């Protein structure tokens, strides 16, 4: 599946929904937080509020880079920006519900996968 221009409005809507209120799949928020702590992406005493603060910083940075990750013909809006000297990636479903947020070990290699389609920076997409 290729990213089509008519999908752009869906991507923008998903980002706005996510920015308005971070929503996780039922029971997934704590699992994601625990994984980020275990992998050293967050401090051992980090709370869900700390994790969501990082997510909000990414989704509200008007200079964030916007991608679409396409997997099995499903679109996942994805944003990246620097938070505290690390590039963080925030991925959501087309409905705006969180999929994941983490700092890739090798951002250039990670984002160079063919499944990622770069769109533009966030301020160029939002009204």
PDB file of N, CA and C in Angstrom:
ATOM      1  N   UNK A   1       0.848  -1.193   0.000  1.00  0.00           N
ATOM      2  CA  UNK A   1       0.000   0.000   0.000  1.00  0.00           C
ATOM      3  C   UNK A   1       0.875   1.231   0.000  1.00  0.00           C
ATOM      4  N   UNK A   2       0.543   2.164  -0.813  1.00  0.00           N
ATOM      5  CA  UNK A   2       1.224   3.447  -0.836  1.00  0.00           C
ATOM      6  C   UNK A   2       0.383   4.464  -0.088  1.00  0.00           C
ATOM      7  N   UNK A   3       1.067   5.494   0.387  1.00  0.00           N
ATOM      8  CA  UNK A   3       0.348   6.564   1.049  1.00  0.00           C
ATOM      9  C   UNK A   3      -0.256   7.451  -0.023  1.00  0.00           C
ATOM     10  N   UNK A   4      -1.554   7.648   0.059  1.00  0.00           N
ATOM     11  CA  UNK A   4      -2.265   8.464  -0.927  1.00  0.00           C
ATOM     12  C   UNK A   4      -2.589   9.821  -0.319  1.00  0.00           C
ATOM     13  N   UNK A   5      -2.667  10.836  -1.152  1.00  0.00           N
ATOM     14  CA  UNK A   5      -2.924  12.181  -0.648  1.00  0.00           C
ATOM     15  C   UNK A   5      -4.259  12.277   0.093  1.00  0.00           C
ATOM     16  N   UNK A   6      -5.249  11.458  -0.276  1.00  0.00           N
ATOM     17  CA  UNK A   6      -6.540  11.525   0.418  1.00  0.00           C
ATOM     18  C   UNK A   6      -6.445  10.971   1.841  1.00  0.00           C
ATOM     19  N   UNK A   7      -5.343  10.263   2.162  1.00  0.00           N
ATOM     20  CA  UNK A   7      -5.136   9.760   3.521  1.00  0.00           C
ATOM     21  C   UNK A   7      -4.585  10.839   4.452  1.00  0.00           C
ATOM     22  N   UNK A   8      -4.110  11.927   3.880  1.00  0.00           N
ATOM     23  CA  UNK A   8      -3.484  12.974   4.681  1.00  0.00           C
ATOM     24  C   UNK A   8      -4.441  13.543   5.722  1.00  0.00           C
ATOM     25  N   UNK A   9      -5.697  13.756   5.363  1.00  0.00           N
ATOM     26  CA  UNK A   9      -6.647  14.307   6.332  1.00  0.00           C
ATOM     27  C   UNK A   9      -6.873  13.348   7.498  1.00  0.00           C
ATOM     28  N   UNK A  10      -6.829  12.040   7.244  1.00  0.00           N
ATOM     29  CA  UNK A  10      -6.963  11.057   8.317  1.00  0.00           C
ATOM     30  C   UNK A  10      -5.762  11.124   9.266  1.00  0.00           C
ATOM     31  N   UNK A  11      -4.589  11.294   8.706  1.00  0.00           N
ATOM     32  CA  UNK A  11      -3.367  11.396   9.508  1.00  0.00           C
ATOM     33  C   UNK A  11      -3.424  12.635  10.393  1.00  0.00           C
ATOM     34  N   UNK A  12      -3.801  13.760   9.815  1.00  0.00           N
ATOM     35  CA  UNK A  12      -3.897  15.008  10.578  1.00  0.00           C
ATOM     36  C   UNK A  12      -4.927  14.867  11.696  1.00  0.00           C
ATOM     37  N   UNK A  13      -6.073  14.274  11.388  1.00  0.00           N
ATOM     38  CA  UNK A  13      -7.106  14.089  12.411  1.00  0.00           C
ATOM     39  C   UNK A  13      -6.601  13.204  13.551  1.00  0.00           C
ATOM     40  N   UNK A  14      -5.888  12.139  13.230  1.00  0.00           N
ATOM     41  CA  UNK A  14      -5.349  11.247  14.262  1.00  0.00           C
ATOM     42  C   UNK A  14      -4.391  11.998  15.182  1.00  0.00           C
ATOM     43  N   UNK A  15      -3.538  12.837  14.608  1.00  0.00           N
ATOM     44  CA  UNK A  15      -2.593  13.608  15.408  1.00  0.00           C
ATOM     45  C   UNK A  15      -3.334  14.566  16.336  1.00  0.00           C
ATOM     46  N   UNK A  16      -4.345  15.223  15.818  1.00  0.00           N
ATOM     47  CA  UNK A  16      -5.124  16.164  16.635  1.00  0.00           C
ATOM     48  C   UNK A  16      -5.839  15.434  17.768  1.00  0.00           C
ATOM     49  N   UNK A  17      -6.424  14.284  17.476  1.00  0.00           N
ATOM     50  CA  UNK A  17      -7.094  13.482  18.509  1.00  0.00           C
ATOM     51  C   UNK A  17      -6.099  13.100  19.598  1.00  0.00           C
ATOM     52  N   UNK A  18      -4.914  12.667  19.199  1.00  0.00           N
ATOM     53  CA  UNK A  18      -3.895  12.257  20.160  1.00  0.00           C
ATOM     54  C   UNK A  18      -3.422  13.436  20.995  1.00  0.00           C
ATOM     55  N   UNK A  19      -3.263  14.590  20.357  1.00  0.00           N
ATOM     56  CA  UNK A  19      -2.821  15.790  21.079  1.00  0.00           C
ATOM     57  C   UNK A  19      -3.863  16.235  22.098  1.00  0.00           C
ATOM     58  N   UNK A  20      -5.123  16.100  21.739  1.00  0.00           N
ATOM     59  CA  UNK A  20      -6.196  16.526  22.640  1.00  0.00           C
ATOM     60  C   UNK A  20      -6.245  15.676  23.900  1.00  0.00           C
ATOM     61  N   UNK A  21      -6.049  14.380  23.735  1.00  0.00           N
ATOM     62  CA  UNK A  21      -6.044  13.476  24.888  1.00  0.00           C
ATOM     63  C   UNK A  21      -5.359  12.171  24.495  1.00  0.00           C
ATOM     64  N   UNK A  22      -4.293  11.836  25.210  1.00  0.00           N
ATOM     65  CA  UNK A  22      -3.600  10.577  24.954  1.00  0.00           C
ATOM     66  C   UNK A  22      -4.501   9.433  25.403  1.00  0.00           C
ATOM     67  N   UNK A  23      -4.750   8.539  24.471  1.00  0.00           N
ATOM     68  CA  UNK A  23      -5.558   7.359  24.770  1.00  0.00           C
ATOM     69  C   UNK A  23      -4.720   6.124  24.465  1.00  0.00           C
ATOM     70  N   UNK A  24      -4.739   5.180  25.381  1.00  0.00           N
ATOM     71  CA  UNK A  24      -4.049   3.908  25.201  1.00  0.00           C
ATOM     72  C   UNK A  24      -5.083   2.809  25.000  1.00  0.00           C
ATOM     73  N   UNK A  25      -4.687   1.759  24.332  1.00  0.00           N
ATOM     74  CA  UNK A  25      -5.533   0.570  24.279  1.00  0.00           C
ATOM     75  C   UNK A  25      -5.699   0.080  25.716  1.00  0.00           C
ATOM     76  N   UNK A  26      -6.830  -0.519  26.007  1.00  0.00           N
ATOM     77  CA  UNK A  26      -7.139  -0.948  27.379  1.00  0.00           C
ATOM     78  C   UNK A  26      -6.000  -1.783  27.965  1.00  0.00           C
ATOM     79  N   UNK A  27      -5.512  -1.338  29.122  1.00  0.00           N
ATOM     80  CA  UNK A  27      -4.484  -2.072  29.850  1.00  0.00           C
ATOM     81  C   UNK A  27      -3.084  -1.979  29.289  1.00  0.00           C
ATOM     82  N   UNK A  28      -2.859  -1.192  28.249  1.00  0.00           N
ATOM     83  CA  UNK A  28      -1.551  -1.148  27.587  1.00  0.00           C
ATOM     84  C   UNK A  28      -0.622  -0.061  28.119  1.00  0.00           C
ATOM     85  N   UNK A  29      -1.151   0.969  28.722  1.00  0.00           N
ATOM     86  CA  UNK A  29      -0.316   2.087  29.164  1.00  0.00           C
ATOM     87  C   UNK A  29       0.759   1.619  30.142  1.00  0.00           C
ATOM     88  N   UNK A  30       0.368   0.855  31.145  1.00  0.00           N
ATOM     89  CA  UNK A  30       1.310   0.408  32.158  1.00  0.00           C
ATOM     90  C   UNK A  30       2.367  -0.520  31.573  1.00  0.00           C
ATOM     91  N   UNK A  31       1.968  -1.374  30.632  1.00  0.00           N
ATOM     92  CA  UNK A  31       2.918  -2.288  29.990  1.00  0.00           C
ATOM     93  C   UNK A  31       3.956  -1.511  29.184  1.00  0.00           C
ATOM     94  N   UNK A  32       3.512  -0.483  28.483  1.00  0.00           N
ATOM     95  CA  UNK A  32       4.450   0.337  27.707  1.00  0.00           C
ATOM     96  C   UNK A  32       5.398   1.088  28.634  1.00  0.00           C
ATOM     97  N   UNK A  33       4.861   1.640  29.716  1.00  0.00           N
ATOM     98  CA  UNK A  33       5.696   2.346  30.692  1.00  0.00           C
ATOM     99  C   UNK A  33       6.750   1.399  31.266  1.00  0.00           C
ATOM    100  N   UNK A  34       6.338   0.215  31.673  1.00  0.00           N
ATOM    101  CA  UNK A  34       7.276  -0.757  32.255  1.00  0.00           C
ATOM    102  C   UNK A  34       8.369  -1.141  31.257  1.00  0.00           C
ATOM    103  N   UNK A  35       8.007  -1.291  29.994  1.00  0.00           N
ATOM    104  CA  UNK A  35       8.998  -1.647  28.973  1.00  0.00           C
ATOM    105  C   UNK A  35      10.004  -0.521  28.784  1.00  0.00           C
ATOM    106  N   UNK A  36       9.535   0.728  28.756  1.00  0.00           N
ATOM    107  CA  UNK A  36      10.452   1.867  28.583  1.00  0.00           C
ATOM    108  C   UNK A  36      11.404   1.989  29.776  1.00  0.00           C
ATOM    109  N   UNK A  37      10.909   1.699  30.968  1.00  0.00           N
ATOM    110  CA  UNK A  37      11.773   1.724  32.156  1.00  0.00           C
ATOM    111  C   UNK A  37      12.784   0.582  32.068  1.00  0.00           C
ATOM    112  N   UNK A  38      12.318  -0.612  31.728  1.00  0.00           N
ATOM    113  CA  UNK A  38      13.196  -1.784  31.627  1.00  0.00           C
ATOM    114  C   UNK A  38      14.303  -1.578  30.601  1.00  0.00           C
ATOM    115  N   UNK A  39      13.983  -0.909  29.497  1.00  0.00           N
ATOM    116  CA  UNK A  39      14.975  -0.678  28.438  1.00  0.00           C
ATOM    117  C   UNK A  39      15.845   0.549  28.693  1.00  0.00           C
ATOM    118  N   UNK A  40      15.591   1.250  29.806  1.00  0.00           N
ATOM    119  CA  UNK A  40      16.409   2.412  30.146  1.00  0.00           C
ATOM    120  C   UNK A  40      16.022   3.682  29.406  1.00  0.00           C
ATOM    121  N   UNK A  41      14.880   3.676  28.751  1.00  0.00           N
ATOM    122  CA  UNK A  41      14.412   4.870  28.043  1.00  0.00           C
ATOM    123  C   UNK A  41      13.848   5.902  29.008  1.00  0.00           C
ATOM    124  N   UNK A  42      13.361   5.422  30.144  1.00  0.00           N
ATOM    125  CA  UNK A  42      12.817   6.289  31.188  1.00  0.00           C
ATOM    126  C   UNK A  42      13.469   5.911  32.512  1.00  0.00           C
ATOM    127  N   UNK A  43      13.487   6.862  33.432  1.00  0.00           N
ATOM    128  CA  UNK A  43      14.059   6.614  34.759  1.00  0.00           C
ATOM    129  C   UNK A  43      13.256   5.528  35.488  1.00  0.00           C
ATOM    130  N   UNK A  44      13.907   4.850  36.410  1.00  0.00           N
ATOM    131  CA  UNK A  44      13.254   3.759  37.146  1.00  0.00           C
ATOM    132  C   UNK A  44      12.027   4.224  37.922  1.00  0.00           C
ATOM    133  N   UNK A  45      12.016   5.490  38.318  1.00  0.00           N
ATOM    134  CA  UNK A  45      10.881   6.005  39.091  1.00  0.00           C
ATOM    135  C   UNK A  45       9.889   6.782  38.215  1.00  0.00           C
ATOM    136  N   UNK A  46      10.010   6.647  36.894  1.00  0.00           N
ATOM    137  CA  UNK A  46       9.116   7.372  35.978  1.00  0.00           C
ATOM    138  C   UNK A  46       7.676   6.899  36.152  1.00  0.00           C
ATOM    139  N   UNK A  47       6.774   7.845  36.025  1.00  0.00           N
ATOM    140  CA  UNK A  47       5.344   7.545  36.117  1.00  0.00           C
ATOM    141  C   UNK A  47       4.724   7.624  34.722  1.00  0.00           C
ATOM    142  N   UNK A  48       3.486   7.184  34.622  1.00  0.00           N
ATOM    143  CA  UNK A  48       2.780   7.301  33.353  1.00  0.00           C
ATOM    144  C   UNK A  48       2.667   8.778  32.957  1.00  0.00           C
ATOM    145  N   UNK A  49       2.480   9.649  33.940  1.00  0.00           N
ATOM    146  CA  UNK A  49       2.409  11.089  33.652  1.00  0.00           C
ATOM    147  C   UNK A  49       3.727  11.586  33.046  1.00  0.00           C
ATOM    148  N   UNK A  50       4.867  11.085  33.535  1.00  0.00           N
ATOM    149  CA  UNK A  50       6.171  11.465  32.968  1.00  0.00           C
ATOM    150  C   UNK A  50       6.269  11.015  31.509  1.00  0.00           C
ATOM    151  N   UNK A  51       5.870   9.792  31.253  1.00  0.00           N
ATOM    152  CA  UNK A  51       5.893   9.223  29.906  1.00  0.00           C
ATOM    153  C   UNK A  51       4.989  10.032  28.978  1.00  0.00           C
ATOM    154  N   UNK A  52       3.804  10.344  29.441  1.00  0.00           N
ATOM    155  CA  UNK A  52       2.866  11.097  28.616  1.00  0.00           C
ATOM    156  C   UNK A  52       3.313  12.537  28.412  1.00  0.00           C
ATOM    157  N   UNK A  53       4.090  13.083  29.329  1.00  0.00           N
ATOM    158  CA  UNK A  53       4.661  14.424  29.128  1.00  0.00           C
ATOM    159  C   UNK A  53       5.599  14.411  27.930  1.00  0.00           C
ATOM    160  N   UNK A  54       6.397  13.368  27.807  1.00  0.00           N
ATOM    161  CA  UNK A  54       7.293  13.244  26.646  1.00  0.00           C
ATOM    162  C   UNK A  54       6.474  13.107  25.368  1.00  0.00           C
ATOM    163  N   UNK A  55       5.449  12.269  25.413  1.00  0.00           N
ATOM    164  CA  UNK A  55       4.587  12.080  24.239  1.00  0.00           C
ATOM    165  C   UNK A  55       3.970  13.425  23.832  1.00  0.00           C
ATOM    166  N   UNK A  56       3.472  14.170  24.807  1.00  0.00           N
ATOM    167  CA  UNK A  56       2.892  15.487  24.514  1.00  0.00           C
ATOM    168  C   UNK A  56       3.911  16.454  23.929  1.00  0.00           C
ATOM    169  N   UNK A  57       5.133  16.391  24.410  1.00  0.00           N
ATOM    170  CA  UNK A  57       6.164  17.280  23.863  1.00  0.00           C
ATOM    171  C   UNK A  57       6.413  16.968  22.383  1.00  0.00           C
ATOM    172  N   UNK A  58       6.381  15.685  22.041  1.00  0.00           N
ATOM    173  CA  UNK A  58       6.577  15.301  20.639  1.00  0.00           C
ATOM    174  C   UNK A  58       5.397  15.754  19.791  1.00  0.00           C
ATOM    175  N   UNK A  59       4.192  15.452  20.232  1.00  0.00           N
ATOM    176  CA  UNK A  59       3.017  15.737  19.402  1.00  0.00           C
ATOM    177  C   UNK A  59       2.668  17.221  19.351  1.00  0.00           C
ATOM    178  N   UNK A  60       3.223  18.011  20.245  1.00  0.00           N
ATOM    179  CA  UNK A  60       2.956  19.452  20.243  1.00  0.00           C
ATOM    180  C   UNK A  60       4.112  20.282  19.700  1.00  0.00           C
ATOM    181  N   UNK A  61       5.185  19.626  19.295  1.00  0.00           N
ATOM    182  CA  UNK A  61       6.314  20.342  18.704  1.00  0.00           C
ATOM    183  C   UNK A  61       6.002  20.612  17.238  1.00  0.00           C
ATOM    184  N   UNK A  62       5.789  21.859  16.915  1.00  0.00           N
ATOM    185  CA  UNK A  62       5.412  22.209  15.541  1.00  0.00           C
ATOM    186  C   UNK A  62       6.518  21.889  14.535  1.00  0.00           C
ATOM    187  N   UNK A  63       7.737  21.638  15.032  1.00  0.00           N
ATOM    188  CA  UNK A  63       8.849  21.252  14.157  1.00  0.00           C
ATOM    189  C   UNK A  63       9.037  19.735  14.096  1.00  0.00           C
ATOM    190  N   UNK A  64       8.150  18.983  14.753  1.00  0.00           N
ATOM    191  CA  UNK A  64       8.242  17.517  14.708  1.00  0.00           C
ATOM    192  C   UNK A  64       8.116  17.048  13.262  1.00  0.00           C
ATOM    193  N   UNK A  65       8.867  16.005  12.954  1.00  0.00           N
ATOM    194  CA  UNK A  65       8.772  15.400  11.625  1.00  0.00           C
ATOM    195  C   UNK A  65       7.622  14.404  11.633  1.00  0.00           C
ATOM    196  N   UNK A  66       6.812  14.444  10.594  1.00  0.00           N
ATOM    197  CA  UNK A  66       5.632  13.580  10.510  1.00  0.00           C
ATOM    198  C   UNK A  66       5.866  12.512   9.435  1.00  0.00           C
ATOM    199  N   UNK A  67       5.647  11.287   9.852  1.00  0.00           N
ATOM    200  CA  UNK A  67       5.755  10.130   8.968  1.00  0.00           C
ATOM    201  C   UNK A  67       4.438   9.366   9.021  1.00  0.00           C
ATOM    202  N   UNK A  68       4.292   8.454   8.091  1.00  0.00           N
ATOM    203  CA  UNK A  68       3.258   7.437   8.179  1.00  0.00           C
ATOM    204  C   UNK A  68       3.989   6.108   8.064  1.00  0.00           C
ATOM    205  N   UNK A  69       3.749   5.250   9.043  1.00  0.00           N
ATOM    206  CA  UNK A  69       4.273   3.895   8.997  1.00  0.00           C
ATOM    207  C   UNK A  69       3.161   3.030   8.419  1.00  0.00           C
ATOM    208  N   UNK A  70       3.463   2.308   7.367  1.00  0.00           N
ATOM    209  CA  UNK A  70       2.460   1.490   6.697  1.00  0.00           C
ATOM    210  C   UNK A  70       2.805   0.027   6.917  1.00  0.00           C
ATOM    211  N   UNK A  71       1.895  -0.671   7.597  1.00  0.00           N
ATOM    212  CA  UNK A  71       2.095  -2.083   7.884  1.00  0.00           C
ATOM    213  C   UNK A  71       0.820  -2.837   7.528  1.00  0.00           C
ATOM    214  N   UNK A  72       0.955  -3.789   6.633  1.00  0.00           N
ATOM    215  CA  UNK A  72      -0.180  -4.619   6.241  1.00  0.00           C
ATOM    216  C   UNK A  72      -1.372  -3.760   5.810  1.00  0.00           C
ATOM    217  N   UNK A  73      -1.091  -2.729   5.048  1.00  0.00           N
ATOM    218  CA  UNK A  73      -2.068  -1.782   4.508  1.00  0.00           C
ATOM    219  C   UNK A  73      -2.743  -0.923   5.577  1.00  0.00           C
ATOM    220  N   UNK A  74      -2.193  -0.887   6.774  1.00  0.00           N
ATOM    221  CA  UNK A  74      -2.728  -0.054   7.851  1.00  0.00           C
ATOM    222  C   UNK A  74      -1.773   1.120   8.061  1.00  0.00           C
ATOM    223  N   UNK A  75      -2.345   2.315   8.199  1.00  0.00           N
ATOM    224  CA  UNK A  75      -1.551   3.522   8.389  1.00  0.00           C
ATOM    225  C   UNK A  75      -1.386   3.837   9.868  1.00  0.00           C
ATOM    226  N   UNK A  76      -0.157   4.170  10.259  1.00  0.00           N
ATOM    227  CA  UNK A  76       0.151   4.563  11.626  1.00  0.00           C
ATOM    228  C   UNK A  76       0.859   5.922  11.592  1.00  0.00           C
ATOM    229  N   UNK A  77       0.140   7.008  11.872  1.00  0.00           N
ATOM    230  CA  UNK A  77       0.792   8.312  11.944  1.00  0.00           C
ATOM    231  C   UNK A  77       1.900   8.271  13.005  1.00  0.00           C
ATOM    232  N   UNK A  78       3.044   8.848  12.646  1.00  0.00           N
ATOM    233  CA  UNK A  78       4.223   8.793  13.498  1.00  0.00           C
ATOM    234  C   UNK A  78       4.918  10.139  13.494  1.00  0.00           C
ATOM    235  N   UNK A  79       5.295  10.618  14.669  1.00  0.00           N
ATOM    236  CA  UNK A  79       6.003  11.882  14.790  1.00  0.00           C
ATOM    237  C   UNK A  79       7.321  11.654  15.503  1.00  0.00           C
ATOM    238  N   UNK A  80       8.318  12.454  15.151  1.00  0.00           N
ATOM    239  CA  UNK A  80       9.601  12.389  15.833  1.00  0.00           C
ATOM    240  C   UNK A  80      10.095  13.793  16.129  1.00  0.00           C
ATOM    241  N   UNK A  81      10.740  13.932  17.273  1.00  0.00           N
ATOM    242  CA  UNK A  81      11.420  15.175  17.615  1.00  0.00           C
ATOM    243  C   UNK A  81      12.379  14.901  18.762  1.00  0.00           C
ATOM    244  N   UNK A  82      13.243  15.846  19.020  1.00  0.00           N
ATOM    245  CA  UNK A  82      14.220  15.722  20.100  1.00  0.00           C
ATOM    246  C   UNK A  82      13.573  16.143  21.417  1.00  0.00           C
ATOM    247  N   UNK A  83      13.699  15.266  22.408  1.00  0.00           N
ATOM    248  CA  UNK A  83      13.270  15.560  23.777  1.00  0.00           C
ATOM    249  C   UNK A  83      14.443  15.196  24.681  1.00  0.00           C
ATOM    250  N   UNK A  84      14.926  16.178  25.403  1.00  0.00           N
ATOM    251  CA  UNK A  84      16.047  15.960  26.321  1.00  0.00           C
ATOM    252  C   UNK A  84      17.208  15.246  25.637  1.00  0.00           C
ATOM    253  N   UNK A  85      17.646  15.791  24.509  1.00  0.00           N
ATOM    254  CA  UNK A  85      18.819  15.315  23.763  1.00  0.00           C
ATOM    255  C   UNK A  85      18.677  13.938  23.125  1.00  0.00           C
ATOM    256  N   UNK A  86      17.443  13.422  23.022  1.00  0.00           N
ATOM    257  CA  UNK A  86      17.214  12.141  22.351  1.00  0.00           C
ATOM    258  C   UNK A  86      16.064  12.302  21.380  1.00  0.00           C
ATOM    259  N   UNK A  87      16.191  11.644  20.240  1.00  0.00           N
ATOM    260  CA  UNK A  87      15.075  11.637  19.301  1.00  0.00           C
ATOM    261  C   UNK A  87      14.039  10.630  19.803  1.00  0.00           C
ATOM    262  N   UNK A  88      12.823  11.119  20.037  1.00  0.00           N
ATOM    263  CA  UNK A  88      11.711  10.269  20.453  1.00  0.00           C
ATOM    264  C   UNK A  88      10.759  10.095  19.281  1.00  0.00           C
ATOM    265  N   UNK A  89      10.188   8.914  19.178  1.00  0.00           N
ATOM    266  CA  UNK A  89       9.214   8.573  18.155  1.00  0.00           C
ATOM    267  C   UNK A  89       7.890   8.273  18.849  1.00  0.00           C
ATOM    268  N   UNK A  90       6.811   8.848  18.344  1.00  0.00           N
ATOM    269  CA  UNK A  90       5.466   8.585  18.852  1.00  0.00           C
ATOM    270  C   UNK A  90       4.644   8.040  17.692  1.00  0.00           C
ATOM    271  N   UNK A  91       4.113   6.836  17.880  1.00  0.00           N
ATOM    272  CA  UNK A  91       3.308   6.204  16.833  1.00  0.00           C
ATOM    273  C   UNK A  91       1.900   5.953  17.371  1.00  0.00           C
ATOM    274  N   UNK A  92       0.924   6.252  16.531  1.00  0.00           N
ATOM    275  CA  UNK A  92      -0.477   6.080  16.917  1.00  0.00           C
ATOM    276  C   UNK A  92      -1.234   5.392  15.792  1.00  0.00           C
ATOM    277  N   UNK A  93      -2.404   4.902  16.128  1.00  0.00           N
ATOM    278  CA  UNK A  93      -3.275   4.356  15.102  1.00  0.00           C
ATOM    279  C   UNK A  93      -3.950   5.485  14.343  1.00  0.00           C
ATOM    280  N   UNK A  94      -4.598   5.155  13.264  1.00  0.00           N
ATOM    281  CA  UNK A  94      -5.281   6.162  12.454  1.00  0.00           C
ATOM    282  C   UNK A  94      -6.456   6.767  13.222  1.00  0.00           C
ATOM    283  N   UNK A  95      -6.832   6.135  14.338  1.00  0.00           N
ATOM    284  CA  UNK A  95      -7.867   6.667  15.220  1.00  0.00           C
ATOM    285  C   UNK A  95      -7.287   7.566  16.319  1.00  0.00           C
ATOM    286  N   UNK A  96      -5.965   7.729  16.332  1.00  0.00           N
ATOM    287  CA  UNK A  96      -5.307   8.580  17.327  1.00  0.00           C
ATOM    288  C   UNK A  96      -4.927   7.864  18.603  1.00  0.00           C
ATOM    289  N   UNK A  97      -5.302   6.599  18.746  1.00  0.00           N
ATOM    290  CA  UNK A  97      -4.968   5.827  19.946  1.00  0.00           C
ATOM    291  C   UNK A  97      -3.481   5.438  19.890  1.00  0.00           C
ATOM    292  N   UNK A  98      -2.814   5.559  21.020  1.00  0.00           N
ATOM    293  CA  UNK A  98      -1.385   5.288  21.096  1.00  0.00           C
ATOM    294  C   UNK A  98      -1.051   3.859  20.692  1.00  0.00           C
ATOM    295  N   UNK A  99       0.029   3.739  19.939  1.00  0.00           N
ATOM    296  CA  UNK A  99       0.627   2.437  19.648  1.00  0.00           C
ATOM    297  C   UNK A  99       1.890   2.279  20.492  1.00  0.00           C
ATOM    298  N   UNK A 100       2.791   3.269  20.393  1.00  0.00           N
ATOM    299  CA  UNK A 100       4.036   3.221  21.147  1.00  0.00           C
ATOM    300  C   UNK A 100       4.726   4.565  21.104  1.00  0.00           C
ATOM    301  N   UNK A 101       5.667   4.741  22.007  1.00  0.00           N
ATOM    302  CA  UNK A 101       6.528   5.928  22.022  1.00  0.00           C
ATOM    303  C   UNK A 101       7.854   5.508  22.634  1.00  0.00           C
ATOM    304  N   UNK A 102       8.941   5.787  21.913  1.00  0.00           N
ATOM    305  CA  UNK A 102      10.262   5.381  22.391  1.00  0.00           C
ATOM    306  C   UNK A 102      11.348   6.125  21.620  1.00  0.00           C
ATOM    307  N   UNK A 103      12.570   6.132  22.157  1.00  0.00           N
ATOM    308  CA  UNK A 103      13.695   6.698  21.423  1.00  0.00           C
ATOM    309  C   UNK A 103      14.435   5.570  20.686  1.00  0.00           C
ATOM    310  N   UNK A 104      14.354   5.509  19.375  1.00  0.00           N
ATOM    311  CA  UNK A 104      15.051   4.439  18.646  1.00  0.00           C
ATOM    312  C   UNK A 104      16.561   4.509  18.895  1.00  0.00           C
ATOM    313  N   UNK A 105      17.191   3.342  19.006  1.00  0.00           N
ATOM    314  CA  UNK A 105      18.637   3.298  19.231  1.00  0.00           C
ATOM    315  C   UNK A 105      19.403   3.932  18.076  1.00  0.00           C
ATOM    316  N   UNK A 106      18.977   3.648  16.865  1.00  0.00           N
ATOM    317  CA  UNK A 106      19.619   4.201  15.679  1.00  0.00           C
ATOM    318  C   UNK A 106      18.520   4.837  14.820  1.00  0.00           C
ATOM    319  N   UNK A 107      18.157   6.098  15.137  1.00  0.00           N
ATOM    320  CA  UNK A 107      17.009   6.720  14.462  1.00  0.00           C
ATOM    321  C   UNK A 107      17.098   6.731  12.941  1.00  0.00           C
ATOM    322  N   UNK A 108      18.275   7.042  12.396  1.00  0.00           N
ATOM    323  CA  UNK A 108      18.387   7.109  10.934  1.00  0.00           C
ATOM    324  C   UNK A 108      18.093   5.756  10.295  1.00  0.00           C
ATOM    325  N   UNK A 109      18.665   4.717  10.851  1.00  0.00           N
ATOM    326  CA  UNK A 109      18.430   3.372  10.319  1.00  0.00           C
ATOM    327  C   UNK A 109      16.967   2.971  10.512  1.00  0.00           C
ATOM    328  N   UNK A 110      16.414   3.257  11.678  1.00  0.00           N
ATOM    329  CA  UNK A 110      15.029   2.884  11.982  1.00  0.00           C
ATOM    330  C   UNK A 110      14.056   3.575  11.024  1.00  0.00           C
ATOM    331  N   UNK A 111      14.225   4.867  10.836  1.00  0.00           N
ATOM    332  CA  UNK A 111      13.295   5.639  10.009  1.00  0.00           C
ATOM    333  C   UNK A 111      13.549   5.469   8.514  1.00  0.00           C
ATOM    334  N   UNK A 112      14.634   4.815   8.170  1.00  0.00           N
ATOM    335  CA  UNK A 112      14.957   4.573   6.769  1.00  0.00           C
ATOM    336  C   UNK A 112      14.270   3.331   6.219  1.00  0.00           C
ATOM    337  N   UNK A 113      13.539   2.624   7.069  1.00  0.00           N
ATOM    338  CA  UNK A 113      12.806   1.444   6.604  1.00  0.00           C
ATOM    339  C   UNK A 113      11.776   1.876   5.557  1.00  0.00           C
ATOM    340  N   UNK A 114      11.558   1.022   4.581  1.00  0.00           N
ATOM    341  CA  UNK A 114      10.641   1.374   3.494  1.00  0.00           C
ATOM    342  C   UNK A 114       9.202   1.555   3.972  1.00  0.00           C
ATOM    343  N   UNK A 115       8.865   1.012   5.138  1.00  0.00           N
ATOM    344  CA  UNK A 115       7.501   1.156   5.650  1.00  0.00           C
ATOM    345  C   UNK A 115       7.209   2.579   6.115  1.00  0.00           C
ATOM    346  N   UNK A 116       8.257   3.381   6.361  1.00  0.00           N
ATOM    347  CA  UNK A 116       8.058   4.765   6.788  1.00  0.00           C
ATOM    348  C   UNK A 116       8.023   5.689   5.583  1.00  0.00           C
ATOM    349  N   UNK A 117       6.986   6.511   5.517  1.00  0.00           N
ATOM    350  CA  UNK A 117       6.865   7.520   4.471  1.00  0.00           C
ATOM    351  C   UNK A 117       6.917   8.882   5.166  1.00  0.00           C
ATOM    352  N   UNK A 118       7.941   9.670   4.833  1.00  0.00           N
ATOM    353  CA  UNK A 118       8.052  11.006   5.427  1.00  0.00           C
ATOM    354  C   UNK A 118       7.078  11.943   4.725  1.00  0.00           C
ATOM    355  N   UNK A 119       6.316  12.714   5.512  1.00  0.00           N
ATOM    356  CA  UNK A 119       5.379  13.668   4.948  1.00  0.00           C
ATOM    357  C   UNK A 119       5.981  15.071   4.959  1.00  0.00           C
ATOM    358  N   UNK A 120       6.091  15.669   6.130  1.00  0.00           N
ATOM    359  CA  UNK A 120       6.710  16.985   6.308  1.00  0.00           C
ATOM    360  C   UNK A 120       6.669  17.324   7.781  1.00  0.00           C
ATOM    361  N   UNK A 121       7.092  18.543   8.127  1.00  0.00           N
ATOM    362  CA  UNK A 121       7.042  18.911   9.545  1.00  0.00           C
ATOM    363  C   UNK A 121       5.608  19.263   9.933  1.00  0.00           C
ATOM    364  N   UNK A 122       5.337  19.124  11.215  1.00  0.00           N
ATOM    365  CA  UNK A 122       3.969  19.246  11.701  1.00  0.00           C
ATOM    366  C   UNK A 122       3.328  20.600  11.389  1.00  0.00           C
ATOM    367  N   UNK A 123       4.078  21.678  11.551  1.00  0.00           N
ATOM    368  CA  UNK A 123       3.464  22.996  11.318  1.00  0.00           C
ATOM    369  C   UNK A 123       3.009  23.188   9.880  1.00  0.00           C
ATOM    370  N   UNK A 124       3.571  22.428   8.963  1.00  0.00           N
ATOM    371  CA  UNK A 124       3.137  22.512   7.564  1.00  0.00           C
ATOM    372  C   UNK A 124       1.855  21.725   7.306  1.00  0.00           C
ATOM    373  N   UNK A 125       1.483  20.866   8.249  1.00  0.00           N
ATOM    374  CA  UNK A 125       0.287  20.041   8.069  1.00  0.00           C
ATOM    375  C   UNK A 125      -0.921  20.574   8.824  1.00  0.00           C
ATOM    376  N   UNK A 126      -0.655  21.247   9.939  1.00  0.00           N
ATOM    377  CA  UNK A 126      -1.757  21.706  10.777  1.00  0.00           C
ATOM    378  C   UNK A 126      -2.273  23.068  10.335  1.00  0.00           C
ATOM    379  N   UNK A 127      -3.563  23.310  10.581  1.00  0.00           N
ATOM    380  CA  UNK A 127      -4.135  24.611  10.206  1.00  0.00           C
ATOM    381  C   UNK A 127      -3.572  25.721  11.064  1.00  0.00           C
TER     382      UNK A 127
END
